[in-house]
Amino acid sequence: MDMETTVMELIIYSGESRSCAMEALQAARKKEWQQAEALLVQSTQAGKRAHQIQTELIGADEGCGKIPVNLIMVHAQDHLMNSLLCREMAEEIIYLHKEIDSLRQSR
């Protein structure tokens, strides 16, 4: 396992997941519901890939400190956690946008 490449992939996929979630929010604001849903799916897919990489790193470490923890590793983990939270919050906010839109239309 090339550690530098693996950590960079973790950052890249996490960033992609976060970016798609944020784009989904922007689409929802414009009431582009299908686009918002498609972007959430893309966010989920990128997030799953990032999570797979994290799982591989945990497996390689075997709980024994075999993987060195350095600033870039911490940075990658930070990106992953932020992307997961962003994705979850985006889903909830989009749901609220839909609810508000539905209430406005029923008036």
PDB file of N, CA and C in Angstrom:
ATOM      1  N   MET A   1       0.854  -1.180   0.000  1.00  0.00           N
ATOM      2  CA  MET A   1       0.000   0.000   0.000  1.00  0.00           C
ATOM      3  C   MET A   1       0.897   1.240   0.000  1.00  0.00           C
ATOM      4  N   ASP A   2       0.733   2.073  -1.022  1.00  0.00           N
ATOM      5  CA  ASP A   2       1.446   3.345  -1.093  1.00  0.00           C
ATOM      6  C   ASP A   2       0.687   4.329  -0.207  1.00  0.00           C
ATOM      7  N   MET A   3       1.235   4.619   0.951  1.00  0.00           N
ATOM      8  CA  MET A   3       0.523   5.406   1.957  1.00  0.00           C
ATOM      9  C   MET A   3       0.172   6.807   1.470  1.00  0.00           C
ATOM     10  N   GLU A   4       1.088   7.460   0.790  1.00  0.00           N
ATOM     11  CA  GLU A   4       0.832   8.826   0.332  1.00  0.00           C
ATOM     12  C   GLU A   4      -0.343   8.855  -0.651  1.00  0.00           C
ATOM     13  N   THR A   5      -0.350   7.927  -1.599  1.00  0.00           N
ATOM     14  CA  THR A   5      -1.434   7.851  -2.572  1.00  0.00           C
ATOM     15  C   THR A   5      -2.751   7.512  -1.896  1.00  0.00           C
ATOM     16  N   THR A   6      -2.722   6.584  -0.974  1.00  0.00           N
ATOM     17  CA  THR A   6      -3.929   6.166  -0.264  1.00  0.00           C
ATOM     18  C   THR A   6      -4.536   7.320   0.519  1.00  0.00           C
ATOM     19  N   VAL A   7      -3.705   8.052   1.224  1.00  0.00           N
ATOM     20  CA  VAL A   7      -4.200   9.184   2.017  1.00  0.00           C
ATOM     21  C   VAL A   7      -4.744  10.280   1.101  1.00  0.00           C
ATOM     22  N   MET A   8      -4.080  10.524  -0.014  1.00  0.00           N
ATOM     23  CA  MET A   8      -4.561  11.535  -0.954  1.00  0.00           C
ATOM     24  C   MET A   8      -5.899  11.105  -1.561  1.00  0.00           C
ATOM     25  N   GLU A   9      -6.067   9.819  -1.836  1.00  0.00           N
ATOM     26  CA  GLU A   9      -7.355   9.323  -2.346  1.00  0.00           C
ATOM     27  C   GLU A   9      -8.455   9.529  -1.305  1.00  0.00           C
ATOM     28  N   LEU A  10      -8.127   9.320  -0.050  1.00  0.00           N
ATOM     29  CA  LEU A  10      -9.093   9.544   1.025  1.00  0.00           C
ATOM     30  C   LEU A  10      -9.535  11.010   1.033  1.00  0.00           C
ATOM     31  N   ILE A  11      -8.590  11.913   0.893  1.00  0.00           N
ATOM     32  CA  ILE A  11      -8.906  13.340   0.854  1.00  0.00           C
ATOM     33  C   ILE A  11      -9.739  13.674  -0.387  1.00  0.00           C
ATOM     34  N   ILE A  12      -9.344  13.138  -1.524  1.00  0.00           N
ATOM     35  CA  ILE A  12     -10.040  13.436  -2.785  1.00  0.00           C
ATOM     36  C   ILE A  12     -11.488  12.945  -2.750  1.00  0.00           C
ATOM     37  N   TYR A  13     -11.707  11.692  -2.373  1.00  0.00           N
ATOM     38  CA  TYR A  13     -13.070  11.161  -2.343  1.00  0.00           C
ATOM     39  C   TYR A  13     -13.918  11.853  -1.279  1.00  0.00           C
ATOM     40  N   SER A  14     -13.315  12.175  -0.161  1.00  0.00           N
ATOM     41  CA  SER A  14     -14.051  12.912   0.872  1.00  0.00           C
ATOM     42  C   SER A  14     -14.443  14.293   0.360  1.00  0.00           C
ATOM     43  N   GLY A  15     -13.519  14.958  -0.306  1.00  0.00           N
ATOM     44  CA  GLY A  15     -13.806  16.274  -0.862  1.00  0.00           C
ATOM     45  C   GLY A  15     -14.889  16.217  -1.924  1.00  0.00           C
ATOM     46  N   GLU A  16     -14.851  15.182  -2.745  1.00  0.00           N
ATOM     47  CA  GLU A  16     -15.883  15.012  -3.766  1.00  0.00           C
ATOM     48  C   GLU A  16     -17.248  14.811  -3.120  1.00  0.00           C
ATOM     49  N   SER A  17     -17.283  14.027  -2.068  1.00  0.00           N
ATOM     50  CA  SER A  17     -18.537  13.782  -1.368  1.00  0.00           C
ATOM     51  C   SER A  17     -19.096  15.079  -0.804  1.00  0.00           C
ATOM     52  N   ARG A  18     -18.267  15.858  -0.170  1.00  0.00           N
ATOM     53  CA  ARG A  18     -18.698  17.135   0.407  1.00  0.00           C
ATOM     54  C   ARG A  18     -19.154  18.089  -0.687  1.00  0.00           C
ATOM     55  N   SER A  19     -18.399  18.192  -1.757  1.00  0.00           N
ATOM     56  CA  SER A  19     -18.751  19.103  -2.852  1.00  0.00           C
ATOM     57  C   SER A  19     -20.099  18.744  -3.464  1.00  0.00           C
ATOM     58  N   CYS A  20     -20.333  17.466  -3.682  1.00  0.00           N
ATOM     59  CA  CYS A  20     -21.616  17.034  -4.248  1.00  0.00           C
ATOM     60  C   CYS A  20     -22.767  17.351  -3.296  1.00  0.00           C
ATOM     61  N   ALA A  21     -22.546  17.175  -2.006  1.00  0.00           N
ATOM     62  CA  ALA A  21     -23.585  17.492  -1.026  1.00  0.00           C
ATOM     63  C   ALA A  21     -23.913  18.979  -1.047  1.00  0.00           C
ATOM     64  N   MET A  22     -22.891  19.817  -1.149  1.00  0.00           N
ATOM     65  CA  MET A  22     -23.112  21.250  -1.198  1.00  0.00           C
ATOM     66  C   MET A  22     -23.807  21.662  -2.491  1.00  0.00           C
ATOM     67  N   GLU A  23     -23.443  21.038  -3.591  1.00  0.00           N
ATOM     68  CA  GLU A  23     -24.122  21.306  -4.864  1.00  0.00           C
ATOM     69  C   GLU A  23     -25.584  20.864  -4.796  1.00  0.00           C
ATOM     70  N   ALA A  24     -25.840  19.775  -4.100  1.00  0.00           N
ATOM     71  CA  ALA A  24     -27.217  19.306  -3.928  1.00  0.00           C
ATOM     72  C   ALA A  24     -28.044  20.339  -3.175  1.00  0.00           C
ATOM     73  N   LEU A  25     -27.451  20.960  -2.184  1.00  0.00           N
ATOM     74  CA  LEU A  25     -28.154  22.018  -1.453  1.00  0.00           C
ATOM     75  C   LEU A  25     -28.478  23.196  -2.362  1.00  0.00           C
ATOM     76  N   GLN A  26     -27.535  23.559  -3.206  1.00  0.00           N
ATOM     77  CA  GLN A  26     -27.764  24.663  -4.139  1.00  0.00           C
ATOM     78  C   GLN A  26     -28.882  24.314  -5.121  1.00  0.00           C
ATOM     79  N   ALA A  27     -28.906  23.080  -5.584  1.00  0.00           N
ATOM     80  CA  ALA A  27     -29.970  22.646  -6.493  1.00  0.00           C
ATOM     81  C   ALA A  27     -31.323  22.686  -5.785  1.00  0.00           C
ATOM     82  N   ALA A  28     -31.348  22.258  -4.541  1.00  0.00           N
ATOM     83  CA  ALA A  28     -32.601  22.269  -3.782  1.00  0.00           C
ATOM     84  C   ALA A  28     -33.112  23.689  -3.588  1.00  0.00           C
ATOM     85  N   ARG A  29     -32.225  24.616  -3.360  1.00  0.00           N
ATOM     86  CA  ARG A  29     -32.630  26.007  -3.205  1.00  0.00           C
ATOM     87  C   ARG A  29     -33.344  26.511  -4.461  1.00  0.00           C
ATOM     88  N   LYS A  30     -32.942  25.981  -5.621  1.00  0.00           N
ATOM     89  CA  LYS A  30     -33.557  26.356  -6.902  1.00  0.00           C
ATOM     90  C   LYS A  30     -34.759  25.462  -7.241  1.00  0.00           C
ATOM     91  N   LYS A  31     -35.098  24.564  -6.324  1.00  0.00           N
ATOM     92  CA  LYS A  31     -36.192  23.602  -6.496  1.00  0.00           C
ATOM     93  C   LYS A  31     -35.927  22.622  -7.635  1.00  0.00           C
ATOM     94  N   GLU A  32     -34.680  22.322  -7.857  1.00  0.00           N
ATOM     95  CA  GLU A  32     -34.270  21.324  -8.854  1.00  0.00           C
ATOM     96  C   GLU A  32     -34.109  19.996  -8.122  1.00  0.00           C
ATOM     97  N   TRP A  33     -35.245  19.395  -7.789  1.00  0.00           N
ATOM     98  CA  TRP A  33     -35.269  18.232  -6.905  1.00  0.00           C
ATOM     99  C   TRP A  33     -34.538  17.025  -7.479  1.00  0.00           C
ATOM    100  N   GLN A  34     -34.718  16.744  -8.759  1.00  0.00           N
ATOM    101  CA  GLN A  34     -34.038  15.584  -9.357  1.00  0.00           C
ATOM    102  C   GLN A  34     -32.525  15.782  -9.351  1.00  0.00           C
ATOM    103  N   GLN A  35     -32.086  16.985  -9.651  1.00  0.00           N
ATOM    104  CA  GLN A  35     -30.646  17.279  -9.629  1.00  0.00           C
ATOM    105  C   GLN A  35     -30.105  17.141  -8.211  1.00  0.00           C
ATOM    106  N   ALA A  36     -30.862  17.635  -7.243  1.00  0.00           N
ATOM    107  CA  ALA A  36     -30.438  17.527  -5.841  1.00  0.00           C
ATOM    108  C   ALA A  36     -30.291  16.065  -5.435  1.00  0.00           C
ATOM    109  N   GLU A  37     -31.270  15.245  -5.814  1.00  0.00           N
ATOM    110  CA  GLU A  37     -31.211  13.820  -5.474  1.00  0.00           C
ATOM    111  C   GLU A  37     -30.038  13.124  -6.165  1.00  0.00           C
ATOM    112  N   ALA A  38     -29.809  13.459  -7.434  1.00  0.00           N
ATOM    113  CA  ALA A  38     -28.685  12.855  -8.166  1.00  0.00           C
ATOM    114  C   ALA A  38     -27.360  13.227  -7.516  1.00  0.00           C
ATOM    115  N   LEU A  39     -27.251  14.466  -7.070  1.00  0.00           N
ATOM    116  CA  LEU A  39     -26.011  14.905  -6.419  1.00  0.00           C
ATOM    117  C   LEU A  39     -25.827  14.231  -5.058  1.00  0.00           C
ATOM    118  N   LEU A  40     -26.924  13.986  -4.350  1.00  0.00           N
ATOM    119  CA  LEU A  40     -26.818  13.244  -3.090  1.00  0.00           C
ATOM    120  C   LEU A  40     -26.340  11.818  -3.336  1.00  0.00           C
ATOM    121  N   VAL A  41     -26.805  11.213  -4.431  1.00  0.00           N
ATOM    122  CA  VAL A  41     -26.345   9.864  -4.782  1.00  0.00           C
ATOM    123  C   VAL A  41     -24.843   9.898  -5.078  1.00  0.00           C
ATOM    124  N   GLN A  42     -24.395  10.882  -5.834  1.00  0.00           N
ATOM    125  CA  GLN A  42     -22.960  11.012  -6.128  1.00  0.00           C
ATOM    126  C   GLN A  42     -22.163  11.228  -4.843  1.00  0.00           C
ATOM    127  N   SER A  43     -22.710  12.048  -3.948  1.00  0.00           N
ATOM    128  CA  SER A  43     -22.052  12.293  -2.662  1.00  0.00           C
ATOM    129  C   SER A  43     -21.917  10.996  -1.872  1.00  0.00           C
ATOM    130  N   THR A  44     -22.981  10.213  -1.863  1.00  0.00           N
ATOM    131  CA  THR A  44     -22.966   8.933  -1.149  1.00  0.00           C
ATOM    132  C   THR A  44     -21.932   7.976  -1.738  1.00  0.00           C
ATOM    133  N   GLN A  45     -21.887   7.904  -3.063  1.00  0.00           N
ATOM    134  CA  GLN A  45     -20.933   7.004  -3.721  1.00  0.00           C
ATOM    135  C   GLN A  45     -19.490   7.395  -3.395  1.00  0.00           C
ATOM    136  N   ALA A  46     -19.184   8.681  -3.475  1.00  0.00           N
ATOM    137  CA  ALA A  46     -17.826   9.137  -3.154  1.00  0.00           C
ATOM    138  C   ALA A  46     -17.528   8.891  -1.674  1.00  0.00           C
ATOM    139  N   GLY A  47     -18.527   9.115  -0.830  1.00  0.00           N
ATOM    140  CA  GLY A  47     -18.352   8.873   0.603  1.00  0.00           C
ATOM    141  C   GLY A  47     -18.089   7.407   0.916  1.00  0.00           C
ATOM    142  N   LYS A  48     -18.774   6.525   0.197  1.00  0.00           N
ATOM    143  CA  LYS A  48     -18.538   5.086   0.398  1.00  0.00           C
ATOM    144  C   LYS A  48     -17.117   4.704   0.002  1.00  0.00           C
ATOM    145  N   ARG A  49     -16.638   5.275  -1.097  1.00  0.00           N
ATOM    146  CA  ARG A  49     -15.267   4.976  -1.530  1.00  0.00           C
ATOM    147  C   ARG A  49     -14.266   5.487  -0.486  1.00  0.00           C
ATOM    148  N   ALA A  50     -14.508   6.678   0.027  1.00  0.00           N
ATOM    149  CA  ALA A  50     -13.624   7.222   1.069  1.00  0.00           C
ATOM    150  C   ALA A  50     -13.661   6.333   2.307  1.00  0.00           C
ATOM    151  N   HIS A  51     -14.849   5.874   2.666  1.00  0.00           N
ATOM    152  CA  HIS A  51     -14.975   5.013   3.837  1.00  0.00           C
ATOM    153  C   HIS A  51     -14.262   3.681   3.626  1.00  0.00           C
ATOM    154  N   GLN A  52     -14.314   3.154   2.388  1.00  0.00           N
ATOM    155  CA  GLN A  52     -13.583   1.912   2.085  1.00  0.00           C
ATOM    156  C   GLN A  52     -12.080   2.107   2.291  1.00  0.00           C
ATOM    157  N   ILE A  53     -11.577   3.247   1.869  1.00  0.00           N
ATOM    158  CA  ILE A  53     -10.151   3.528   2.040  1.00  0.00           C
ATOM    159  C   ILE A  53      -9.822   3.612   3.522  1.00  0.00           C
ATOM    160  N   GLN A  54     -10.667   4.275   4.283  1.00  0.00           N
ATOM    161  CA  GLN A  54     -10.434   4.370   5.722  1.00  0.00           C
ATOM    162  C   GLN A  54     -10.426   2.975   6.348  1.00  0.00           C
ATOM    163  N   THR A  55     -11.350   2.130   5.921  1.00  0.00           N
ATOM    164  CA  THR A  55     -11.422   0.764   6.441  1.00  0.00           C
ATOM    165  C   THR A  55     -10.158  -0.019   6.099  1.00  0.00           C
ATOM    166  N   GLU A  56      -9.652   0.166   4.885  1.00  0.00           N
ATOM    167  CA  GLU A  56      -8.390  -0.486   4.489  1.00  0.00           C
ATOM    168  C   GLU A  56      -7.241  -0.022   5.383  1.00  0.00           C
ATOM    169  N   LEU A  57      -7.200   1.262   5.677  1.00  0.00           N
ATOM    170  CA  LEU A  57      -6.139   1.792   6.546  1.00  0.00           C
ATOM    171  C   LEU A  57      -6.248   1.216   7.954  1.00  0.00           C
ATOM    172  N   ILE A  58      -7.464   1.140   8.457  1.00  0.00           N
ATOM    173  CA  ILE A  58      -7.665   0.570   9.793  1.00  0.00           C
ATOM    174  C   ILE A  58      -7.245  -0.896   9.800  1.00  0.00           C
ATOM    175  N   GLY A  59      -7.608  -1.629   8.752  1.00  0.00           N
ATOM    176  CA  GLY A  59      -7.210  -3.033   8.653  1.00  0.00           C
ATOM    177  C   GLY A  59      -5.705  -3.202   8.582  1.00  0.00           C
ATOM    178  N   ALA A  60      -5.044  -2.337   7.827  1.00  0.00           N
ATOM    179  CA  ALA A  60      -3.587  -2.420   7.700  1.00  0.00           C
ATOM    180  C   ALA A  60      -2.898  -2.085   9.018  1.00  0.00           C
ATOM    181  N   ASP A  61      -3.516  -1.224   9.793  1.00  0.00           N
ATOM    182  CA  ASP A  61      -2.926  -0.831  11.083  1.00  0.00           C
ATOM    183  C   ASP A  61      -3.044  -1.942  12.114  1.00  0.00           C
ATOM    184  N   GLU A  62      -4.104  -2.728  12.007  1.00  0.00           N
ATOM    185  CA  GLU A  62      -4.372  -3.851  12.920  1.00  0.00           C
ATOM    186  C   GLU A  62      -4.407  -3.434  14.390  1.00  0.00           C
ATOM    187  N   GLY A  63      -4.720  -2.165  14.636  1.00  0.00           N
ATOM    188  CA  GLY A  63      -4.798  -1.688  16.017  1.00  0.00           C
ATOM    189  C   GLY A  63      -3.472  -1.686  16.744  1.00  0.00           C
ATOM    190  N   CYS A  64      -2.384  -1.778  15.989  1.00  0.00           N
ATOM    191  CA  CYS A  64      -1.056  -1.898  16.602  1.00  0.00           C
ATOM    192  C   CYS A  64      -0.156  -0.701  16.321  1.00  0.00           C
ATOM    193  N   GLY A  65      -0.673   0.325  15.709  1.00  0.00           N
ATOM    194  CA  GLY A  65       0.153   1.482  15.397  1.00  0.00           C
ATOM    195  C   GLY A  65       1.085   1.257  14.223  1.00  0.00           C
ATOM    196  N   LYS A  66       0.720   0.338  13.305  1.00  0.00           N
ATOM    197  CA  LYS A  66       1.563   0.067  12.142  1.00  0.00           C
ATOM    198  C   LYS A  66       1.520   1.211  11.134  1.00  0.00           C
ATOM    199  N   ILE A  67       0.414   1.962  11.120  1.00  0.00           N
ATOM    200  CA  ILE A  67       0.276   3.103  10.216  1.00  0.00           C
ATOM    201  C   ILE A  67       0.692   4.355  10.985  1.00  0.00           C
ATOM    202  N   PRO A  68       1.687   5.075  10.471  1.00  0.00           N
ATOM    203  CA  PRO A  68       2.114   6.292  11.179  1.00  0.00           C
ATOM    204  C   PRO A  68       1.040   7.375  11.106  1.00  0.00           C
ATOM    205  N   VAL A  69       0.764   7.974  12.238  1.00  0.00           N
ATOM    206  CA  VAL A  69      -0.194   9.068  12.286  1.00  0.00           C
ATOM    207  C   VAL A  69       0.595  10.365  12.164  1.00  0.00           C
ATOM    208  N   ASN A  70       0.346  11.063  11.055  1.00  0.00           N
ATOM    209  CA  ASN A  70       1.019  12.334  10.837  1.00  0.00           C
ATOM    210  C   ASN A  70      -0.033  13.381  10.502  1.00  0.00           C
ATOM    211  N   LEU A  71       0.396  14.585  10.233  1.00  0.00           N
ATOM    212  CA  LEU A  71      -0.535  15.675   9.998  1.00  0.00           C
ATOM    213  C   LEU A  71      -1.434  15.409   8.782  1.00  0.00           C
ATOM    214  N   ILE A  72      -0.895  14.836   7.720  1.00  0.00           N
ATOM    215  CA  ILE A  72      -1.705  14.587   6.527  1.00  0.00           C
ATOM    216  C   ILE A  72      -2.759  13.508   6.793  1.00  0.00           C
ATOM    217  N   MET A  73      -2.418  12.532   7.618  1.00  0.00           N
ATOM    218  CA  MET A  73      -3.393  11.494   7.986  1.00  0.00           C
ATOM    219  C   MET A  73      -4.531  12.116   8.806  1.00  0.00           C
ATOM    220  N   VAL A  74      -4.190  12.976   9.738  1.00  0.00           N
ATOM    221  CA  VAL A  74      -5.204  13.653  10.537  1.00  0.00           C
ATOM    222  C   VAL A  74      -6.072  14.531   9.632  1.00  0.00           C
ATOM    223  N   HIS A  75      -5.449  15.213   8.703  1.00  0.00           N
ATOM    224  CA  HIS A  75      -6.155  16.059   7.746  1.00  0.00           C
ATOM    225  C   HIS A  75      -7.140  15.225   6.915  1.00  0.00           C
ATOM    226  N   ALA A  76      -6.715  14.064   6.480  1.00  0.00           N
ATOM    227  CA  ALA A  76      -7.572  13.179   5.687  1.00  0.00           C
ATOM    228  C   ALA A  76      -8.772  12.717   6.506  1.00  0.00           C
ATOM    229  N   GLN A  77      -8.543  12.344   7.742  1.00  0.00           N
ATOM    230  CA  GLN A  77      -9.633  11.910   8.613  1.00  0.00           C
ATOM    231  C   GLN A  77     -10.614  13.055   8.854  1.00  0.00           C
ATOM    232  N   ASP A  78     -10.079  14.263   8.998  1.00  0.00           N
ATOM    233  CA  ASP A  78     -10.911  15.440   9.191  1.00  0.00           C
ATOM    234  C   ASP A  78     -11.804  15.656   7.969  1.00  0.00           C
ATOM    235  N   HIS A  79     -11.234  15.522   6.783  1.00  0.00           N
ATOM    236  CA  HIS A  79     -12.013  15.648   5.549  1.00  0.00           C
ATOM    237  C   HIS A  79     -13.126  14.599   5.503  1.00  0.00           C
ATOM    238  N   LEU A  80     -12.807  13.383   5.867  1.00  0.00           N
ATOM    239  CA  LEU A  80     -13.797  12.313   5.835  1.00  0.00           C
ATOM    240  C   LEU A  80     -14.951  12.610   6.791  1.00  0.00           C
ATOM    241  N   MET A  81     -14.641  12.962   8.010  1.00  0.00           N
ATOM    242  CA  MET A  81     -15.687  13.220   8.994  1.00  0.00           C
ATOM    243  C   MET A  81     -16.545  14.410   8.579  1.00  0.00           C
ATOM    244  N   ASN A  82     -15.924  15.456   8.047  1.00  0.00           N
ATOM    245  CA  ASN A  82     -16.692  16.614   7.585  1.00  0.00           C
ATOM    246  C   ASN A  82     -17.606  16.241   6.417  1.00  0.00           C
ATOM    247  N   SER A  83     -17.110  15.424   5.515  1.00  0.00           N
ATOM    248  CA  SER A  83     -17.933  15.043   4.358  1.00  0.00           C
ATOM    249  C   SER A  83     -19.122  14.193   4.786  1.00  0.00           C
ATOM    250  N   LEU A  84     -18.922  13.309   5.749  1.00  0.00           N
ATOM    251  CA  LEU A  84     -20.029  12.482   6.237  1.00  0.00           C
ATOM    252  C   LEU A  84     -21.100  13.344   6.903  1.00  0.00           C
ATOM    253  N   LEU A  85     -20.675  14.277   7.725  1.00  0.00           N
ATOM    254  CA  LEU A  85     -21.613  15.169   8.384  1.00  0.00           C
ATOM    255  C   LEU A  85     -22.320  16.059   7.362  1.00  0.00           C
ATOM    256  N   CYS A  86     -21.576  16.585   6.415  1.00  0.00           N
ATOM    257  CA  CYS A  86     -22.151  17.451   5.392  1.00  0.00           C
ATOM    258  C   CYS A  86     -23.212  16.706   4.598  1.00  0.00           C
ATOM    259  N   ARG A  87     -22.944  15.495   4.236  1.00  0.00           N
ATOM    260  CA  ARG A  87     -23.895  14.679   3.464  1.00  0.00           C
ATOM    261  C   ARG A  87     -25.181  14.464   4.248  1.00  0.00           C
ATOM    262  N   GLU A  88     -25.055  14.112   5.515  1.00  0.00           N
ATOM    263  CA  GLU A  88     -26.230  13.865   6.341  1.00  0.00           C
ATOM    264  C   GLU A  88     -27.056  15.134   6.529  1.00  0.00           C
ATOM    265  N   MET A  89     -26.382  16.240   6.787  1.00  0.00           N
ATOM    266  CA  MET A  89     -27.081  17.503   6.979  1.00  0.00           C
ATOM    267  C   MET A  89     -27.737  17.969   5.676  1.00  0.00           C
ATOM    268  N   ALA A  90     -27.066  17.775   4.555  1.00  0.00           N
ATOM    269  CA  ALA A  90     -27.629  18.166   3.262  1.00  0.00           C
ATOM    270  C   ALA A  90     -28.933  17.419   3.011  1.00  0.00           C
ATOM    271  N   GLU A  91     -28.952  16.143   3.312  1.00  0.00           N
ATOM    272  CA  GLU A  91     -30.166  15.357   3.109  1.00  0.00           C
ATOM    273  C   GLU A  91     -31.320  15.923   3.937  1.00  0.00           C
ATOM    274  N   GLU A  92     -31.060  16.258   5.175  1.00  0.00           N
ATOM    275  CA  GLU A  92     -32.095  16.805   6.043  1.00  0.00           C
ATOM    276  C   GLU A  92     -32.556  18.188   5.576  1.00  0.00           C
ATOM    277  N   ILE A  93     -31.624  19.020   5.168  1.00  0.00           N
ATOM    278  CA  ILE A  93     -31.974  20.371   4.717  1.00  0.00           C
ATOM    279  C   ILE A  93     -32.770  20.311   3.417  1.00  0.00           C
ATOM    280  N   ILE A  94     -32.405  19.416   2.531  1.00  0.00           N
ATOM    281  CA  ILE A  94     -33.154  19.257   1.284  1.00  0.00           C
ATOM    282  C   ILE A  94     -34.580  18.786   1.586  1.00  0.00           C
ATOM    283  N   TYR A  95     -34.708  17.890   2.528  1.00  0.00           N
ATOM    284  CA  TYR A  95     -36.029  17.443   2.944  1.00  0.00           C
ATOM    285  C   TYR A  95     -36.854  18.641   3.430  1.00  0.00           C
ATOM    286  N   LEU A  96     -36.246  19.498   4.222  1.00  0.00           N
ATOM    287  CA  LEU A  96     -36.952  20.679   4.718  1.00  0.00           C
ATOM    288  C   LEU A  96     -37.325  21.631   3.587  1.00  0.00           C
ATOM    289  N   HIS A  97     -36.426  21.814   2.636  1.00  0.00           N
ATOM    290  CA  HIS A  97     -36.742  22.644   1.463  1.00  0.00           C
ATOM    291  C   HIS A  97     -37.976  22.095   0.752  1.00  0.00           C
ATOM    292  N   LYS A  98     -38.033  20.781   0.584  1.00  0.00           N
ATOM    293  CA  LYS A  98     -39.176  20.157  -0.083  1.00  0.00           C
ATOM    294  C   LYS A  98     -40.464  20.367   0.723  1.00  0.00           C
ATOM    295  N   GLU A  99     -40.372  20.209   2.017  1.00  0.00           N
ATOM    296  CA  GLU A  99     -41.543  20.391   2.875  1.00  0.00           C
ATOM    297  C   GLU A  99     -42.058  21.824   2.787  1.00  0.00           C
ATOM    298  N   ILE A 100     -41.165  22.780   2.859  1.00  0.00           N
ATOM    299  CA  ILE A 100     -41.554  24.182   2.757  1.00  0.00           C
ATOM    300  C   ILE A 100     -42.186  24.467   1.414  1.00  0.00           C
ATOM    301  N   ASP A 101     -41.586  23.958   0.361  1.00  0.00           N
ATOM    302  CA  ASP A 101     -42.122  24.158  -0.986  1.00  0.00           C
ATOM    303  C   ASP A 101     -43.521  23.545  -1.110  1.00  0.00           C
ATOM    304  N   SER A 102     -43.695  22.365  -0.556  1.00  0.00           N
ATOM    305  CA  SER A 102     -44.984  21.693  -0.595  1.00  0.00           C
ATOM    306  C   SER A 102     -46.041  22.496   0.159  1.00  0.00           C
ATOM    307  N   LEU A 103     -45.683  23.031   1.311  1.00  0.00           N
ATOM    308  CA  LEU A 103     -46.624  23.842   2.097  1.00  0.00           C
ATOM    309  C   LEU A 103     -47.000  25.123   1.338  1.00  0.00           C
ATOM    310  N   ARG A 104     -46.047  25.728   0.706  1.00  0.00           N
ATOM    311  CA  ARG A 104     -46.319  26.944  -0.073  1.00  0.00           C
ATOM    312  C   ARG A 104     -47.252  26.653  -1.243  1.00  0.00           C
ATOM    313  N   GLN A 105     -47.055  25.503  -1.858  1.00  0.00           N
ATOM    314  CA  GLN A 105     -47.894  25.154  -3.023  1.00  0.00           C
ATOM    315  C   GLN A 105     -49.319  24.800  -2.612  1.00  0.00           C
ATOM    316  N   SER A 106     -49.490  24.325  -1.394  1.00  0.00           N
ATOM    317  CA  SER A 106     -50.834  23.895  -0.961  1.00  0.00           C
ATOM    318  C   SER A 106     -51.687  25.063  -0.475  1.00  0.00           C
ATOM    319  N   ARG A 107     -51.126  26.238  -0.420  1.00  0.00           N
ATOM    320  CA  ARG A 107     -51.907  27.404   0.031  1.00  0.00           C
ATOM    321  C   ARG A 107     -52.902  27.824  -0.980  1.00  0.00           C
TER     322      ARG A 107
END
